[in-house]
Protein backbone atom coordinates (compact mmCIF):
# COMPACT_ATOMS: atom_id res chain seq x y z
CA MET A 1 31.94 37.41 -43.40
CA GLU A 2 29.08 37.97 -40.94
CA LYS A 3 29.33 36.01 -37.72
CA THR A 4 26.38 33.93 -36.50
CA GLY A 5 25.52 32.57 -33.07
CA THR A 6 26.53 35.73 -31.21
CA LEU A 7 25.28 36.43 -27.70
CA PRO A 8 22.60 38.87 -28.89
CA ASP A 9 21.32 36.20 -31.32
CA VAL A 10 21.13 33.62 -28.51
CA GLY A 11 19.30 36.08 -26.25
CA LEU A 12 16.75 36.84 -28.96
CA ALA A 13 16.17 33.12 -29.59
CA PHE A 14 15.72 32.47 -25.86
CA ARG A 15 13.19 35.28 -25.47
CA ALA A 16 11.31 34.09 -28.55
CA ALA A 17 11.14 30.55 -27.20
CA THR A 18 9.94 31.84 -23.80
CA ARG A 19 7.21 33.92 -25.47
CA LEU A 20 6.17 30.90 -27.52
CA LYS A 21 5.88 28.70 -24.39
CA ALA A 22 3.90 31.39 -22.60
CA LEU A 23 1.58 31.66 -25.58
CA GLY A 24 1.16 27.89 -25.59
CA LEU A 25 0.21 27.91 -21.90
CA LEU A 26 -2.34 30.68 -22.51
CA VAL A 27 -3.87 28.71 -25.36
CA LEU A 28 -4.03 25.56 -23.23
CA LEU A 29 -5.67 27.48 -20.38
CA GLY A 30 -8.15 28.95 -22.84
CA VAL A 31 -9.06 25.49 -24.17
CA ILE A 32 -9.52 24.13 -20.61
CA TYR A 33 -11.76 27.07 -19.72
CA ALA A 34 -13.77 26.79 -22.95
CA LEU A 35 -14.43 23.10 -22.29
CA ARG A 36 -15.84 23.72 -18.79
CA PRO A 37 -19.53 23.55 -19.86
CA LEU A 38 -18.85 20.11 -21.39
CA VAL A 39 -16.13 18.54 -19.26
CA THR A 40 -13.87 19.55 -16.38
CA VAL A 41 -10.26 18.76 -17.22
CA ARG A 42 -8.45 18.14 -13.94
CA PHE A 43 -4.78 17.65 -13.11
CA GLY A 44 -3.37 15.54 -10.28
CA THR A 45 -0.01 14.16 -9.20
CA LEU A 46 0.17 10.38 -9.16
CA LEU A 47 2.02 9.18 -6.05
CA ALA A 48 4.11 6.60 -7.86
CA GLY A 49 7.42 6.75 -6.01
CA ARG A 50 6.28 4.27 -3.32
CA ILE A 51 4.69 1.02 -4.44
CA GLY A 52 2.05 1.09 -1.71
CA HIS A 53 0.78 4.50 -2.76
CA LEU A 54 1.00 3.67 -6.46
CA ALA A 55 -1.16 0.57 -5.98
CA ALA A 56 -3.58 1.50 -3.20
CA ASN A 57 -4.11 5.21 -3.84
CA THR A 58 -4.75 4.67 -7.52
CA GLU A 59 -7.18 1.79 -6.97
CA CYS A 60 -9.09 3.77 -4.33
CA TYR A 61 -9.34 6.69 -6.75
CA LEU A 62 -10.72 4.45 -9.50
CA CYS A 63 -13.24 2.83 -7.16
CA GLU A 64 -14.41 6.21 -5.87
CA LYS A 65 -14.67 7.46 -9.44
CA ASP A 66 -16.84 4.47 -10.40
CA ALA A 67 -19.00 5.12 -7.33
CA ARG A 68 -19.28 8.82 -8.25
CA LEU A 69 -17.83 9.92 -4.91
CA ASN A 70 -16.19 13.30 -4.37
CA MET A 71 -16.03 14.36 -7.99
CA PRO A 72 -17.91 16.47 -10.54
CA ARG A 73 -20.35 14.92 -12.97
CA ARG A 74 -18.22 15.04 -16.11
CA VAL A 75 -14.45 15.02 -15.64
CA PHE A 76 -11.37 14.11 -17.60
CA ASP A 77 -8.49 13.53 -15.20
CA VAL A 78 -4.85 13.91 -16.18
CA TRP A 79 -2.24 12.30 -13.92
CA THR A 80 1.42 13.33 -13.83
CA PRO A 81 3.45 10.46 -12.32
CA ALA A 82 6.81 10.70 -10.63
CA LYS A 83 9.42 8.02 -11.27
CA PRO A 84 7.55 4.83 -10.32
CA ALA A 85 8.60 2.34 -7.67
CA ASN A 86 7.33 -0.36 -10.03
CA GLY A 87 7.24 0.60 -13.69
CA TYR A 88 5.18 -2.42 -14.71
CA LEU A 89 2.44 -1.65 -12.22
CA LEU A 90 2.29 1.90 -13.56
CA LYS A 91 2.11 0.50 -17.11
CA MET A 92 -0.91 -1.59 -16.10
CA TYR A 93 -2.63 1.38 -14.48
CA GLU A 94 -2.00 3.46 -17.59
CA ARG A 95 -4.51 1.23 -19.34
CA VAL A 96 -7.26 2.70 -17.18
CA ILE A 97 -6.04 6.21 -16.32
CA PHE A 98 -4.60 8.99 -18.48
CA THR A 99 -1.04 10.01 -17.65
CA TRP A 100 1.05 12.83 -19.04
CA HIS A 101 4.79 12.31 -18.57
CA SER A 102 5.78 15.94 -18.86
CA ARG A 103 6.53 19.00 -16.75
CA ILE A 104 3.88 20.95 -18.64
CA PRO A 105 1.05 20.16 -16.16
CA ASP A 106 3.25 21.35 -13.28
CA ILE A 107 4.10 24.56 -15.13
CA LEU A 108 0.43 25.00 -16.00
CA ARG A 109 -0.65 24.60 -12.37
CA GLU A 110 1.93 27.11 -11.23
CA ALA A 111 0.90 29.63 -13.87
CA ALA A 112 -2.83 29.23 -13.20
CA LYS A 113 -2.89 29.09 -9.39
CA PHE A 114 -3.90 32.76 -9.13
CA LEU A 115 -7.03 32.26 -11.27
CA ASP A 116 -10.24 32.08 -9.24
CA TRP A 117 -11.68 29.20 -11.29
CA TRP A 118 -8.55 27.03 -11.42
CA HIS A 119 -9.08 25.20 -8.10
CA GLU A 120 -11.80 23.14 -9.81
CA HIS A 121 -9.14 21.74 -12.13
CA GLU A 122 -6.89 20.17 -9.50
CA PHE A 123 -7.56 16.97 -7.58
CA ASN A 124 -5.93 14.34 -5.39
CA ASN A 125 -6.82 11.08 -3.71
CA ASN A 126 -7.98 12.25 -0.29
CA SER A 127 -8.43 8.70 1.04
CA MET A 128 -4.64 8.09 0.73
CA GLY A 129 -5.10 4.44 -0.18
CA ARG A 130 -7.54 3.53 2.58
CA ASP A 131 -10.80 2.02 1.33
CA ILE A 132 -12.93 3.80 3.92
CA PHE A 133 -16.05 3.47 1.77
CA ASN A 134 -15.69 -0.34 1.50
CA LEU A 135 -15.69 -0.16 -2.26
CA PHE A 136 -13.22 -3.00 -2.87
CA GLU A 137 -15.93 -5.53 -2.05
CA GLN A 138 -18.47 -3.79 -4.28
CA ILE A 139 -16.50 -2.75 -7.36
CA PRO A 140 -14.47 -5.14 -9.56
CA LEU A 141 -10.72 -4.62 -9.66
CA HIS A 142 -9.40 -2.36 -12.39
CA LEU A 143 -6.23 -4.19 -13.32
CA SER A 144 -6.01 -7.34 -15.42
CA PHE A 145 -3.35 -9.34 -17.22
CA THR A 146 -3.35 -9.73 -20.98
CA ARG A 147 -3.06 -13.18 -22.52
CA GLN A 148 0.63 -12.52 -23.20
CA GLU A 149 1.17 -11.44 -19.59
CA GLU A 150 -0.54 -14.57 -18.27
CA LYS A 151 1.84 -16.63 -20.37
CA ARG A 152 4.78 -14.63 -19.11
CA GLY A 153 3.63 -15.16 -15.53
CA GLU A 154 3.29 -18.91 -16.04
CA ASN A 155 6.82 -19.02 -17.44
CA GLY A 156 8.03 -17.04 -14.43
CA LEU A 157 6.42 -19.53 -12.06
CA ARG A 158 8.11 -22.38 -13.89
CA ASP A 159 11.47 -20.63 -13.56
CA LEU A 160 10.84 -20.40 -9.80
CA GLY A 161 10.06 -24.11 -9.64
CA ILE A 162 6.36 -23.62 -8.89
CA PRO A 163 4.14 -26.12 -10.72
CA LYS A 164 0.92 -25.24 -12.47
CA ASP A 165 -2.12 -24.98 -10.18
CA ALA A 166 0.07 -24.73 -7.06
CA LYS A 167 -0.89 -22.29 -4.32
CA TRP A 168 1.58 -19.86 -2.86
CA VAL A 169 1.86 -17.35 -0.05
CA CYS A 170 3.74 -14.09 -0.57
CA LEU A 171 5.84 -13.32 2.51
CA ILE A 172 6.92 -9.68 2.78
CA VAL A 173 8.88 -8.48 5.82
CA ARG A 174 9.88 -4.87 6.13
CA ASP A 175 13.41 -4.67 7.61
CA ALA A 176 16.25 -2.19 8.03
CA ALA A 177 17.07 -2.27 4.29
CA TYR A 178 13.65 -0.88 3.38
CA LEU A 179 13.96 2.89 2.83
CA PRO A 180 16.85 3.51 5.27
CA SER A 181 16.27 7.24 4.75
CA LEU A 182 13.07 6.75 6.77
CA ALA A 183 14.86 5.56 9.90
CA TYR A 184 12.18 7.17 12.06
CA HIS A 185 9.89 4.36 10.82
CA SER A 186 12.22 1.66 12.14
CA PHE A 187 9.61 0.65 14.73
CA ARG A 188 7.76 -1.01 11.83
CA ASP A 189 10.67 -3.33 10.97
CA SER A 190 10.99 -6.95 12.04
CA ASP A 191 13.41 -9.89 11.69
CA ILE A 192 12.86 -12.29 8.78
CA ASP A 193 14.24 -15.17 10.88
CA THR A 194 11.19 -15.01 13.17
CA TYR A 195 9.02 -15.99 10.20
CA ALA A 196 10.86 -19.24 9.48
CA ARG A 197 8.60 -21.41 11.62
CA ALA A 198 5.46 -20.04 9.95
CA ALA A 199 6.97 -20.54 6.48
CA LEU A 200 7.84 -24.16 7.26
CA ALA A 201 4.36 -24.82 8.68
CA LEU A 202 2.71 -23.40 5.56
CA ALA A 203 5.07 -25.39 3.31
CA GLU A 204 4.09 -28.58 5.16
CA ARG A 205 0.47 -27.67 4.39
CA GLY A 206 1.35 -27.69 0.68
CA TYR A 207 1.81 -23.96 0.05
CA TYR A 208 4.82 -22.53 -1.69
CA VAL A 209 6.12 -19.62 0.39
CA ILE A 210 7.76 -16.86 -1.65
CA ARG A 211 9.82 -14.32 0.27
CA MET A 212 9.29 -11.00 -1.55
CA GLY A 213 11.23 -7.73 -1.43
CA ALA A 214 13.18 -5.40 -3.68
CA LYS A 215 15.65 -4.53 -0.90
CA VAL A 216 16.23 -6.86 2.03
CA ALA A 217 18.76 -6.84 4.86
CA GLN A 218 19.55 -10.57 4.75
CA PRO A 219 18.62 -13.78 2.94
CA PHE A 220 15.88 -16.07 4.23
CA LYS A 221 17.86 -19.07 5.44
CA VAL A 222 15.16 -21.72 5.53
CA LYS A 223 15.77 -24.99 3.70
CA HIS A 224 12.61 -26.45 2.18
CA THR A 225 11.79 -27.19 -1.44
CA LYS A 226 8.62 -25.09 -1.21
CA ILE A 227 10.25 -22.01 0.36
CA ILE A 228 11.73 -19.64 -2.21
CA ASP A 229 13.85 -16.60 -1.37
CA TYR A 230 12.73 -14.73 -4.47
CA ALA A 231 14.09 -11.45 -3.05
CA THR A 232 17.68 -12.69 -3.33
CA ASN A 233 17.74 -15.53 -5.89
CA GLY A 234 18.28 -13.30 -8.92
CA LEU A 235 14.89 -14.04 -10.54
CA ARG A 236 13.03 -11.01 -9.20
CA SER A 237 11.45 -8.60 -11.69
CA GLU A 238 8.90 -5.80 -11.50
CA PHE A 239 6.46 -7.84 -13.58
CA MET A 240 6.74 -10.94 -11.38
CA ASP A 241 6.32 -8.79 -8.26
CA VAL A 242 2.90 -7.80 -9.59
CA TYR A 243 1.99 -11.26 -10.89
CA LEU A 244 2.93 -13.09 -7.68
CA GLY A 245 1.09 -10.59 -5.50
CA ALA A 246 -1.98 -10.66 -7.72
CA LYS A 247 -2.31 -14.44 -7.78
CA CYS A 248 -1.23 -15.49 -4.28
CA ALA A 249 -3.49 -17.50 -1.98
CA PHE A 250 -2.76 -14.86 0.61
CA CYS A 251 -0.02 -12.50 1.69
CA LEU A 252 1.77 -12.69 5.05
CA SER A 253 3.00 -9.17 5.78
CA ASN A 254 4.21 -6.84 8.50
CA ALA A 255 2.65 -3.94 6.56
CA SER A 256 5.05 -2.98 3.80
CA GLY A 257 4.36 -1.30 0.48
CA PHE A 258 4.27 -4.55 -1.47
CA ASP A 259 1.16 -5.83 0.27
CA ALA A 260 -0.85 -3.14 -1.53
CA ILE A 261 -0.54 -5.30 -4.67
CA PRO A 262 -2.45 -8.29 -3.26
CA MET A 263 -4.78 -5.78 -1.61
CA VAL A 264 -5.85 -4.12 -4.88
CA PHE A 265 -6.19 -7.54 -6.53
CA ARG A 266 -8.59 -8.46 -3.71
CA ARG A 267 -6.31 -11.11 -2.20
CA PRO A 268 -6.48 -11.77 1.58
CA ILE A 269 -3.69 -10.49 3.83
CA CYS A 270 -2.49 -11.83 7.16
CA PHE A 271 -0.86 -8.90 8.99
CA VAL A 272 1.62 -9.44 11.83
CA ASN A 273 3.87 -7.12 13.83
CA ILE A 274 1.61 -4.18 13.07
CA ALA A 275 2.34 -0.72 14.46
CA PRO A 276 0.77 1.78 14.73
CA PHE A 277 -2.25 -0.16 15.88
CA GLU A 278 -4.99 2.23 14.72
CA TYR A 279 -3.76 2.05 11.12
CA LEU A 280 -5.05 -1.51 10.74
CA GLN A 281 -6.61 -1.91 7.30
CA THR A 282 -9.92 -2.90 8.81
CA TYR A 283 -11.86 -2.66 5.55
CA LEU A 284 -10.07 -5.67 4.00
CA LYS A 285 -12.36 -8.65 3.60
CA ASP A 286 -11.08 -12.12 4.65
CA SER A 287 -7.98 -10.57 6.24
CA ILE A 288 -6.71 -10.94 9.80
CA ALA A 289 -4.14 -9.13 11.93
CA ILE A 290 -2.07 -9.15 15.09
CA TRP A 291 0.11 -6.29 16.30
CA LYS A 292 3.30 -5.62 18.22
CA HIS A 293 3.18 -5.87 22.00
CA HIS A 294 3.34 -2.50 23.75
CA TYR A 295 5.04 -2.22 27.15
CA ARG A 296 5.16 0.64 29.61
CA ASP A 297 6.72 0.52 33.09
CA GLY A 298 7.46 -3.16 32.48
CA LYS A 299 3.81 -4.08 31.92
CA ARG A 300 2.12 -5.11 28.73
CA MET A 301 -0.41 -2.48 27.67
CA SER A 302 -4.01 -3.24 26.84
CA VAL A 303 -5.61 -1.92 23.67
CA THR A 304 -7.42 0.72 25.74
CA GLU A 305 -4.11 1.92 27.18
CA ILE A 306 -2.42 1.98 23.76
CA VAL A 307 -5.19 4.22 22.45
CA SER A 308 -5.33 6.45 25.54
CA TYR A 309 -1.59 7.24 25.27
CA GLY A 310 -2.03 8.10 21.57
CA ALA A 311 0.34 5.27 20.62
CA GLY A 312 -2.21 3.84 18.21
CA GLN A 313 -1.35 6.68 15.84
CA PHE A 314 2.36 7.23 16.53
CA LEU A 315 4.28 7.44 13.27
CA ALA A 316 7.85 7.81 14.53
CA SER A 317 10.08 5.69 16.73
CA ASN A 318 10.81 8.73 18.88
CA ASP A 319 7.09 9.13 19.66
CA PHE A 320 7.09 5.78 21.44
CA LYS A 321 10.33 6.61 23.25
CA GLU A 322 9.02 9.93 24.55
CA ALA A 323 5.85 8.21 25.81
CA GLY A 324 7.95 5.63 27.65
CA ILE A 325 6.58 2.82 25.47
CA SER A 326 8.66 -0.03 24.10
CA LEU A 327 7.55 -2.40 21.34
CA GLU A 328 8.11 -6.13 21.25
CA ASP A 329 7.71 -8.15 18.04
CA ASN A 330 5.29 -11.02 17.76
CA SER A 331 6.95 -14.31 18.62
CA PRO A 332 7.56 -17.05 16.03
CA ASP A 333 4.75 -19.02 17.68
CA GLU A 334 2.31 -16.12 17.36
CA ILE A 335 3.21 -15.59 13.71
CA THR A 336 2.83 -19.30 12.98
CA GLU A 337 -0.51 -19.54 14.78
CA VAL A 338 -2.08 -16.66 12.90
CA ALA A 339 -0.65 -17.78 9.53
CA LEU A 340 -2.19 -21.24 9.96
CA GLU A 341 -5.43 -19.68 11.16
CA MET A 342 -5.53 -17.72 7.91
CA ALA A 343 -4.98 -20.88 5.89
CA ASP A 344 -7.77 -22.66 7.79
CA ARG A 345 -10.15 -19.70 7.45
CA LEU A 346 -9.64 -19.68 3.68
CA LYS A 347 -10.34 -23.44 3.56
CA GLY A 348 -13.49 -22.88 5.59
CA THR A 349 -12.37 -25.28 8.31
CA TYR A 350 -11.55 -22.80 11.07
CA ARG A 351 -13.83 -22.57 14.10
CA ALA A 352 -13.51 -19.13 15.65
CA ARG A 353 -13.28 -18.85 19.44
CA GLY A 354 -12.54 -15.22 20.32
CA ASP A 355 -15.10 -12.48 20.92
CA GLN A 356 -14.56 -10.47 17.75
CA THR A 357 -17.83 -8.55 18.14
CA SER A 358 -16.90 -6.99 21.49
CA PHE A 359 -13.39 -6.12 20.33
CA TRP A 360 -14.45 -4.33 17.16
CA ARG A 361 -17.34 -2.60 18.89
CA ASP A 362 -14.79 -0.83 21.10
CA PHE A 363 -12.21 -0.29 18.36
CA PRO A 364 -11.48 3.45 17.97
CA ARG A 365 -13.01 5.06 14.89
CA SER A 366 -10.03 7.32 14.35
CA ILE A 367 -9.78 10.45 12.23
CA SER A 368 -6.61 10.74 10.17
CA PRO A 369 -4.38 13.60 11.37
CA HIS A 370 -3.16 13.95 7.76
CA THR A 371 -6.39 14.00 5.75
CA GLY A 372 -9.00 14.87 8.36
CA MET A 373 -11.04 11.94 7.08
CA PRO A 374 -12.13 8.76 8.92
CA MET A 375 -9.56 5.97 8.83
CA HIS A 376 -12.12 3.17 8.95
CA GLY A 377 -15.38 2.27 7.29
CA ARG A 378 -17.26 -0.93 7.91
CA ILE A 379 -15.05 -3.41 9.79
CA ASN A 380 -14.28 -6.53 7.74
CA MET A 381 -10.98 -7.58 9.30
CA ARG A 382 -10.60 -10.11 12.11
CA VAL A 383 -7.99 -10.34 14.87
CA GLY A 384 -6.05 -13.59 15.16
CA ASP A 385 -8.01 -15.75 17.58
CA SER A 386 -5.24 -16.76 20.00
CA PHE A 387 -3.86 -13.24 19.99
CA LEU A 388 -7.31 -11.80 20.68
CA THR A 389 -7.64 -14.03 23.73
CA SER A 390 -4.25 -12.89 25.02
CA GLN A 391 -5.29 -9.26 24.52
CA HIS A 392 -8.39 -9.93 26.60
CA PHE A 393 -6.25 -11.26 29.44
CA ALA A 394 -3.90 -8.28 29.11
CA SER A 395 -6.88 -5.94 29.48
CA LYS A 396 -8.07 -7.77 32.62
CA GLU A 397 -4.59 -7.69 34.14
CA SER A 398 -4.26 -3.95 33.46
CA SER A 399 -7.57 -3.21 35.17
CA THR A 400 -6.65 -5.05 38.41
């Protein structure tokens, strides 16, 4: 009896399969090239592994595409996503972009990289999630909830004990549990306990305060019927992360990936404990910010000094250490003041006192060291009023 499945047979089958795949790639390349007079088929990698990039980068790309910025006249873009940080957010984006969950685009790019014409068929989001063209205020958002999803969200709110028509604030605090592999970013962390006073003040104003987070170092130990530690109460889901961020009155954040969800849904953000300073998301309408205090030689640094030392763009804890700069978190009082200022601004009852015009006139118009592009467009953000006044005094003290 003749034996089957011998090593020579396996080798022949493997070589045949390899030739077939190579032929398939050649055919696909031929189709892409033949379509060039009609449409440019482009391939890009969707940065989906971090929720901030998944949300902000993708929305910036869609806005720039609608505005016809930085792209050919007729294109068909194919995205290849990595494993997403939030699968439901990716699912929603897949309603408006074309994704191909396969290694074939990667193999195709590798095979075609030596062709002179292929560079026209690759793309990326050069803005890296920064709306430097101020398109968010001009172009409607690209994500929406279906009727079934709205119902699901309403049920989720009921499970959390939030009544219909209630307003809530999403509180997101980056701490040591967030991406511990990126320990060099620890200068961006802060302590959830320092937000308790602000949460209580907002709850007394009638807001529900929902502490967000997929990974957190400790529970939020604040007792109030309107303060919900959603990050640890067992009710968290990827869908509700998106729904809560999309529908919040505003988000109180120390700049973590989650706040990109309210950002792309055009919700205001109150930023606290920001570092590095020059990465403020200045293009965000109705948003305000305060940043960490910088100290050198025992003295609090002015904004001018922060920028002159390059600390406004430091991206690693060791950068601050080598420059002899220490960072101090915003105090509970500072966080509370700016959170209530945000609430009053949104109600239209706040009377501004600080000199925002002078501050933003002197704000550095930085160029990103990563993309070579400007980091800021038209300035829409405001600095917390009390904090702005204290910065003014710090500048005067530094100059004497």
